[in-house]
Each structure stands twice: as C-alpha cells, then as structure tokens.
Amino acid sequence: MISLIFLGRAVLTICLYVVILRLWMQQARVNFYNPFTQFIVRITQPVIGPLRRLMPSIRRIDTATWLIFYLFALLKVIFIYRFEGIDAPIWSPYYLLFALAAMVHAFGHLLFWLLFFRAILSWVSRGQSVADELLAQLTEPLVAPIRRIIPPIGMIDLSFMVVVFILMFLNLLAIDFLGNLWLAF
C-alpha cells in the first residue's frame, strides 16, 4: 500500500510540475523552439487544447491551464486525505482552500529544483545547452533583482543562494502557519 501511495503522490506532483511549467513558460515567453518547451506543450495539449475551446483566455491569463492546475492540486489534496490515513470527511469545502496551498507548495518546490539544476548546469555546461537556456529564461526574472543588489564575486554568483534562502524561509513560515497541512503536500 505504501508503494501505491508513493506512486500516486509522485504522479500527481509531476502533473502539477508540468502544468506549472506550461503556465510559467507562457508568462516568461520562453523560446518555443526549445525541445523541452515543445515537450511540455505536446504532453499538455491533449488536455488543455479541448478545454481552451470551452474556456477562452482572458487577456494574457490562460484560464484553461489555470483550471487544470487547480484540478490537479485538488486531486492531490483529496488523494492525500483519502489514502494517507488523515482523518477528514469524504468531502469538505476546506479541500478547495487546501488546493490553493498545494498549488503554492508545488510552485515553491519546482522553483527550488529549477534553481538547483541551473546552478549545477552553470558549473558543467557554461550556458551552452538547451536546458541551460530554458532554465535561464525561467529563473532569471527572479534572480536578476538580487544580482543587482549582490553582484557576483568573481565566478561565484550568490544570487541563487539568496533566492533559495528566501524560499526556505517562506517554506518554514508556511509550516509555522499551516503546520502538518503544509508538510502533507
């Protein structure tokens, strides 16, 4: 049973990450010809494409993708409460709010991993790979303001560490306010 719970959480988390990446790539206007970008668009298009016909975008807000993002977060919350032994009613209106917390949690964790992989790739590829290009396009808007305050020291860029420390602080702050609920996601 533990293996099925792990598998369910992993699949739902990956689905959340993929939808977040699609939304984030649209907002950041990353290079569409990047193979990673095309992969994300292709695997999400069968779900998002038909829904877009029913829910058109509002200005630059892709309502269909946001709805899919929210529904995956809601599925993850329901999965966690149903299968991990947390005593809760079969359906509760609190699940709708917990889904928002799961969305924020997934975004923070994905941001951490993207920053981590970008830092590792900066040591190895020196900006010459398509993955490094995509990671730079996604994370640079968050790192650049800090880099203006704390410039690189030689070859060491401390802005990544500052963003990671901010993420860690926000994660601990969420644990202080939400406790085990935040840890469950």
C-alpha atoms as a PDB file:
ATOM      1  CA  MET A   1       0.000   0.000   0.000  1.00  0.00           C
ATOM      2  CA  ILE A   2       2.862   2.398   0.764  1.00  0.00           C
ATOM      3  CA  SER A   3       4.246   1.921  -2.737  1.00  0.00           C
ATOM      4  CA  LEU A   4       0.875   2.824  -4.296  1.00  0.00           C
ATOM      5  CA  ILE A   5       0.629   5.945  -2.136  1.00  0.00           C
ATOM      6  CA  PHE A   6       4.140   6.938  -3.192  1.00  0.00           C
ATOM      7  CA  LEU A   7       3.293   6.327  -6.844  1.00  0.00           C
ATOM      8  CA  GLY A   8       0.058   8.325  -6.629  1.00  0.00           C
ATOM      9  CA  ARG A   9       1.733  11.293  -4.949  1.00  0.00           C
ATOM     10  CA  ALA A  10       4.630  11.204  -7.415  1.00  0.00           C
ATOM     11  CA  VAL A  11       2.360  11.120 -10.467  1.00  0.00           C
ATOM     12  CA  LEU A  12       0.178  13.959  -9.171  1.00  0.00           C
ATOM     13  CA  THR A  13       3.236  16.038  -8.244  1.00  0.00           C
ATOM     14  CA  ILE A  14       4.763  15.533 -11.692  1.00  0.00           C
ATOM     15  CA  CYS A  15       1.449  16.538 -13.280  1.00  0.00           C
ATOM     16  CA  LEU A  16       1.443  19.704 -11.164  1.00  0.00           C
ATOM     17  CA  TYR A  17       5.030  20.487 -12.170  1.00  0.00           C
ATOM     18  CA  VAL A  18       4.293  20.027 -15.863  1.00  0.00           C
ATOM     19  CA  VAL A  19       1.253  22.322 -15.742  1.00  0.00           C
ATOM     20  CA  ILE A  20       3.200  24.921 -13.743  1.00  0.00           C
ATOM     21  CA  LEU A  21       5.961  24.792 -16.338  1.00  0.00           C
ATOM     22  CA  ARG A  22       3.444  25.344 -19.124  1.00  0.00           C
ATOM     23  CA  LEU A  23       1.960  28.366 -17.368  1.00  0.00           C
ATOM     24  CA  TRP A  24       5.362  29.737 -16.442  1.00  0.00           C
ATOM     25  CA  MET A  25       6.773  29.291 -19.945  1.00  0.00           C
ATOM     26  CA  GLN A  26       3.801  31.164 -21.395  1.00  0.00           C
ATOM     27  CA  GLN A  27       4.259  34.061 -18.982  1.00  0.00           C
ATOM     28  CA  ALA A  28       8.040  34.201 -19.430  1.00  0.00           C
ATOM     29  CA  ARG A  29       7.655  33.883 -23.215  1.00  0.00           C
ATOM     30  CA  VAL A  30      10.470  31.377 -23.462  1.00  0.00           C
ATOM     31  CA  ASN A  31      11.881  30.153 -26.749  1.00  0.00           C
ATOM     32  CA  PHE A  32       9.154  27.954 -28.233  1.00  0.00           C
ATOM     33  CA  TYR A  33      11.657  26.123 -30.429  1.00  0.00           C
ATOM     34  CA  ASN A  34      13.472  24.732 -27.406  1.00  0.00           C
ATOM     35  CA  PRO A  35      12.938  20.925 -27.332  1.00  0.00           C
ATOM     36  CA  PHE A  36      11.993  20.986 -23.637  1.00  0.00           C
ATOM     37  CA  THR A  37       9.372  23.661 -24.277  1.00  0.00           C
ATOM     38  CA  GLN A  38       7.908  21.675 -27.158  1.00  0.00           C
ATOM     39  CA  PHE A  39       7.818  18.549 -24.977  1.00  0.00           C
ATOM     40  CA  ILE A  40       5.834  20.329 -22.232  1.00  0.00           C
ATOM     41  CA  VAL A  41       3.396  21.782 -24.757  1.00  0.00           C
ATOM     42  CA  ARG A  42       2.901  18.443 -26.521  1.00  0.00           C
ATOM     43  CA  ILE A  43       2.157  16.434 -23.397  1.00  0.00           C
ATOM     44  CA  THR A  44      -0.276  19.029 -22.010  1.00  0.00           C
ATOM     45  CA  GLN A  45      -2.038  19.855 -25.271  1.00  0.00           C
ATOM     46  CA  PRO A  46      -4.417  16.821 -25.293  1.00  0.00           C
ATOM     47  CA  VAL A  47      -5.944  18.026 -22.020  1.00  0.00           C
ATOM     48  CA  ILE A  48      -5.621  21.795 -22.344  1.00  0.00           C
ATOM     49  CA  GLY A  49      -6.433  22.113 -26.064  1.00  0.00           C
ATOM     50  CA  PRO A  50     -10.070  20.925 -25.908  1.00  0.00           C
ATOM     51  CA  LEU A  51     -10.653  22.842 -22.684  1.00  0.00           C
ATOM     52  CA  ARG A  52      -9.462  26.059 -24.350  1.00  0.00           C
ATOM     53  CA  ARG A  53     -12.365  25.818 -26.778  1.00  0.00           C
ATOM     54  CA  LEU A  54     -14.745  25.926 -23.811  1.00  0.00           C
ATOM     55  CA  MET A  55     -12.774  28.433 -21.720  1.00  0.00           C
ATOM     56  CA  PRO A  56     -11.090  31.145 -23.771  1.00  0.00           C
ATOM     57  CA  SER A  57      -8.180  33.092 -22.330  1.00  0.00           C
ATOM     58  CA  ILE A  58      -8.828  36.378 -20.578  1.00  0.00           C
ATOM     59  CA  ARG A  59      -6.160  38.766 -21.881  1.00  0.00           C
ATOM     60  CA  ARG A  60      -2.861  37.020 -21.048  1.00  0.00           C
ATOM     61  CA  ILE A  61      -4.420  34.669 -18.477  1.00  0.00           C
ATOM     62  CA  ASP A  62      -4.759  31.132 -19.790  1.00  0.00           C
ATOM     63  CA  THR A  63      -7.873  30.149 -17.875  1.00  0.00           C
ATOM     64  CA  ALA A  64      -7.939  26.567 -19.166  1.00  0.00           C
ATOM     65  CA  THR A  65      -4.415  25.843 -17.952  1.00  0.00           C
ATOM     66  CA  TRP A  66      -5.077  27.511 -14.603  1.00  0.00           C
ATOM     67  CA  LEU A  67      -8.191  25.354 -14.174  1.00  0.00           C
ATOM     68  CA  ILE A  68      -6.200  22.186 -14.947  1.00  0.00           C
ATOM     69  CA  PHE A  69      -3.537  23.321 -12.458  1.00  0.00           C
ATOM     70  CA  TYR A  70      -6.177  23.832  -9.773  1.00  0.00           C
ATOM     71  CA  LEU A  71      -7.875  20.499 -10.510  1.00  0.00           C
ATOM     72  CA  PHE A  72      -4.583  18.574 -10.245  1.00  0.00           C
ATOM     73  CA  ALA A  73      -3.878  20.313  -6.927  1.00  0.00           C
ATOM     74  CA  LEU A  74      -7.382  19.422  -5.729  1.00  0.00           C
ATOM     75  CA  LEU A  75      -6.862  15.799  -6.792  1.00  0.00           C
ATOM     76  CA  LYS A  76      -3.588  15.713  -4.870  1.00  0.00           C
ATOM     77  CA  VAL A  77      -5.244  17.107  -1.730  1.00  0.00           C
ATOM     78  CA  ILE A  78      -8.089  14.596  -1.944  1.00  0.00           C
ATOM     79  CA  PHE A  79      -5.611  11.780  -2.603  1.00  0.00           C
ATOM     80  CA  ILE A  80      -3.511  12.746   0.416  1.00  0.00           C
ATOM     81  CA  TYR A  81      -6.512  12.958   2.724  1.00  0.00           C
ATOM     82  CA  ARG A  82      -8.146   9.771   1.458  1.00  0.00           C
ATOM     83  CA  PHE A  83      -5.205   7.413   1.210  1.00  0.00           C
ATOM     84  CA  GLU A  84      -2.719   8.565   3.800  1.00  0.00           C
ATOM     85  CA  GLY A  85      -4.910   7.996   6.809  1.00  0.00           C
ATOM     86  CA  ILE A  86      -5.635  11.645   7.648  1.00  0.00           C
ATOM     87  CA  ASP A  87      -8.959  11.735   9.436  1.00  0.00           C
ATOM     88  CA  ALA A  88     -11.165  14.015   7.354  1.00  0.00           C
ATOM     89  CA  PRO A  89     -14.663  13.839   5.911  1.00  0.00           C
ATOM     90  CA  ILE A  90     -15.132  12.342   2.463  1.00  0.00           C
ATOM     91  CA  TRP A  91     -15.734  15.787   1.005  1.00  0.00           C
ATOM     92  CA  SER A  92     -15.055  19.060   2.705  1.00  0.00           C
ATOM     93  CA  PRO A  93     -15.137  22.631   1.403  1.00  0.00           C
ATOM     94  CA  TYR A  94     -11.711  23.034   3.014  1.00  0.00           C
ATOM     95  CA  TYR A  95     -10.286  20.895   0.226  1.00  0.00           C
ATOM     96  CA  LEU A  96     -10.922  23.824  -2.129  1.00  0.00           C
ATOM     97  CA  LEU A  97      -8.706  26.069   0.030  1.00  0.00           C
ATOM     98  CA  PHE A  98      -6.121  23.362   0.622  1.00  0.00           C
ATOM     99  CA  ALA A  99      -5.782  23.026  -3.162  1.00  0.00           C
ATOM    100  CA  LEU A 100      -4.585  26.645  -3.298  1.00  0.00           C
ATOM    101  CA  ALA A 101      -1.974  25.849  -0.654  1.00  0.00           C
ATOM    102  CA  ALA A 102      -0.926  22.778  -2.671  1.00  0.00           C
ATOM    103  CA  MET A 103      -0.502  24.995  -5.741  1.00  0.00           C
ATOM    104  CA  VAL A 104       1.774  27.390  -3.872  1.00  0.00           C
ATOM    105  CA  HIS A 105       3.688  24.471  -2.361  1.00  0.00           C
ATOM    106  CA  ALA A 106       4.250  22.846  -5.762  1.00  0.00           C
ATOM    107  CA  PHE A 107       5.386  26.136  -7.299  1.00  0.00           C
ATOM    108  CA  GLY A 108       7.898  26.740  -4.495  1.00  0.00           C
ATOM    109  CA  HIS A 109       9.352  23.252  -4.756  1.00  0.00           C
ATOM    110  CA  LEU A 110       9.580  23.423  -8.537  1.00  0.00           C
ATOM    111  CA  LEU A 111      11.308  26.798  -8.298  1.00  0.00           C
ATOM    112  CA  PHE A 112      13.823  25.338  -5.846  1.00  0.00           C
ATOM    113  CA  TRP A 113      14.643  22.448  -8.193  1.00  0.00           C
ATOM    114  CA  LEU A 114      14.920  24.704 -11.232  1.00  0.00           C
ATOM    115  CA  LEU A 115      17.367  26.961  -9.380  1.00  0.00           C
ATOM    116  CA  PHE A 116      19.306  23.930  -8.189  1.00  0.00           C
ATOM    117  CA  PHE A 117      19.591  22.442 -11.688  1.00  0.00           C
ATOM    118  CA  ARG A 118      20.533  25.814 -13.162  1.00  0.00           C
ATOM    119  CA  ALA A 119      23.314  26.218 -10.611  1.00  0.00           C
ATOM    120  CA  ILE A 120      24.635  22.712 -11.344  1.00  0.00           C
ATOM    121  CA  LEU A 121      24.427  23.249 -15.108  1.00  0.00           C
ATOM    122  CA  SER A 122      26.259  26.572 -14.787  1.00  0.00           C
ATOM    123  CA  TRP A 123      29.269  24.653 -13.470  1.00  0.00           C
ATOM    124  CA  VAL A 124      29.106  21.994 -16.182  1.00  0.00           C
ATOM    125  CA  SER A 125      27.778  23.396 -19.452  1.00  0.00           C
ATOM    126  CA  ARG A 126      28.505  27.128 -19.083  1.00  0.00           C
ATOM    127  CA  GLY A 127      25.286  28.121 -20.859  1.00  0.00           C
ATOM    128  CA  GLN A 128      25.802  26.033 -23.973  1.00  0.00           C
ATOM    129  CA  SER A 129      22.909  23.587 -23.651  1.00  0.00           C
ATOM    130  CA  VAL A 130      19.223  23.973 -24.491  1.00  0.00           C
ATOM    131  CA  ALA A 131      18.320  23.031 -20.907  1.00  0.00           C
ATOM    132  CA  ASP A 132      20.514  25.818 -19.563  1.00  0.00           C
ATOM    133  CA  GLU A 133      18.845  28.299 -21.921  1.00  0.00           C
ATOM    134  CA  LEU A 134      15.368  27.305 -20.731  1.00  0.00           C
ATOM    135  CA  LEU A 135      16.350  27.369 -17.056  1.00  0.00           C
ATOM    136  CA  ALA A 136      17.872  30.815 -17.513  1.00  0.00           C
ATOM    137  CA  GLN A 137      14.719  32.125 -19.196  1.00  0.00           C
ATOM    138  CA  LEU A 138      12.560  30.762 -16.364  1.00  0.00           C
ATOM    139  CA  THR A 139      14.655  31.749 -13.342  1.00  0.00           C
ATOM    140  CA  GLU A 140      16.414  34.933 -14.453  1.00  0.00           C
ATOM    141  CA  PRO A 141      13.450  37.237 -13.629  1.00  0.00           C
ATOM    142  CA  LEU A 142      13.712  36.055 -10.004  1.00  0.00           C
ATOM    143  CA  VAL A 143      17.495  36.078  -9.742  1.00  0.00           C
ATOM    144  CA  ALA A 144      18.284  39.321 -11.617  1.00  0.00           C
ATOM    145  CA  PRO A 145      16.915  41.758  -8.987  1.00  0.00           C
ATOM    146  CA  ILE A 146      19.009  40.102  -6.292  1.00  0.00           C
ATOM    147  CA  ARG A 147      22.049  40.086  -8.560  1.00  0.00           C
ATOM    148  CA  ARG A 148      21.715  43.889  -8.854  1.00  0.00           C
ATOM    149  CA  ILE A 149      21.927  44.160  -5.057  1.00  0.00           C
ATOM    150  CA  ILE A 150      24.582  41.461  -4.536  1.00  0.00           C
ATOM    151  CA  PRO A 151      26.823  41.309  -7.624  1.00  0.00           C
ATOM    152  CA  PRO A 152      28.789  38.139  -8.404  1.00  0.00           C
ATOM    153  CA  ILE A 153      32.064  37.748  -6.543  1.00  0.00           C
ATOM    154  CA  GLY A 154      34.498  36.584  -9.204  1.00  0.00           C
ATOM    155  CA  MET A 155      32.955  33.457 -10.698  1.00  0.00           C
ATOM    156  CA  ILE A 156      30.591  32.885  -7.755  1.00  0.00           C
ATOM    157  CA  ASP A 157      27.016  34.125  -8.113  1.00  0.00           C
ATOM    158  CA  LEU A 158      25.414  34.372  -4.680  1.00  0.00           C
ATOM    159  CA  SER A 159      22.007  35.421  -6.013  1.00  0.00           C
ATOM    160  CA  PHE A 160      20.931  31.784  -6.373  1.00  0.00           C
ATOM    161  CA  MET A 161      21.726  31.123  -2.726  1.00  0.00           C
ATOM    162  CA  VAL A 162      19.782  34.202  -1.645  1.00  0.00           C
ATOM    163  CA  VAL A 163      16.703  33.091  -3.608  1.00  0.00           C
ATOM    164  CA  VAL A 164      16.996  29.580  -2.133  1.00  0.00           C
ATOM    165  CA  PHE A 165      17.285  31.014   1.390  1.00  0.00           C
ATOM    166  CA  ILE A 166      14.184  33.133   0.757  1.00  0.00           C
ATOM    167  CA  LEU A 167      12.340  30.029  -0.446  1.00  0.00           C
ATOM    168  CA  MET A 168      13.456  28.097   2.633  1.00  0.00           C
ATOM    169  CA  PHE A 169      12.302  30.932   4.903  1.00  0.00           C
ATOM    170  CA  LEU A 170       8.902  31.077   3.191  1.00  0.00           C
ATOM    171  CA  ASN A 171       8.596  27.300   3.487  1.00  0.00           C
ATOM    172  CA  LEU A 172       9.320  27.444   7.231  1.00  0.00           C
ATOM    173  CA  LEU A 173       6.893  30.337   7.607  1.00  0.00           C
ATOM    174  CA  ALA A 174       4.185  28.268   5.904  1.00  0.00           C
ATOM    175  CA  ILE A 175       4.962  25.384   8.274  1.00  0.00           C
ATOM    176  CA  ASP A 176       4.561  27.780  11.218  1.00  0.00           C
ATOM    177  CA  PHE A 177       1.139  28.880   9.984  1.00  0.00           C
ATOM    178  CA  LEU A 178      -0.217  25.677   8.440  1.00  0.00           C
ATOM    179  CA  GLY A 179       1.704  23.013  10.358  1.00  0.00           C
ATOM    180  CA  ASN A 180       1.173  19.425   9.266  1.00  0.00           C
ATOM    181  CA  LEU A 181      -1.129  20.529   6.473  1.00  0.00           C
ATOM    182  CA  TRP A 182       1.815  22.151   4.654  1.00  0.00           C
ATOM    183  CA  LEU A 183       4.043  19.157   5.331  1.00  0.00           C
ATOM    184  CA  ALA A 184       1.439  16.787   3.880  1.00  0.00           C
ATOM    185  CA  PHE A 185       1.783  18.320   0.423  1.00  0.00           C
END
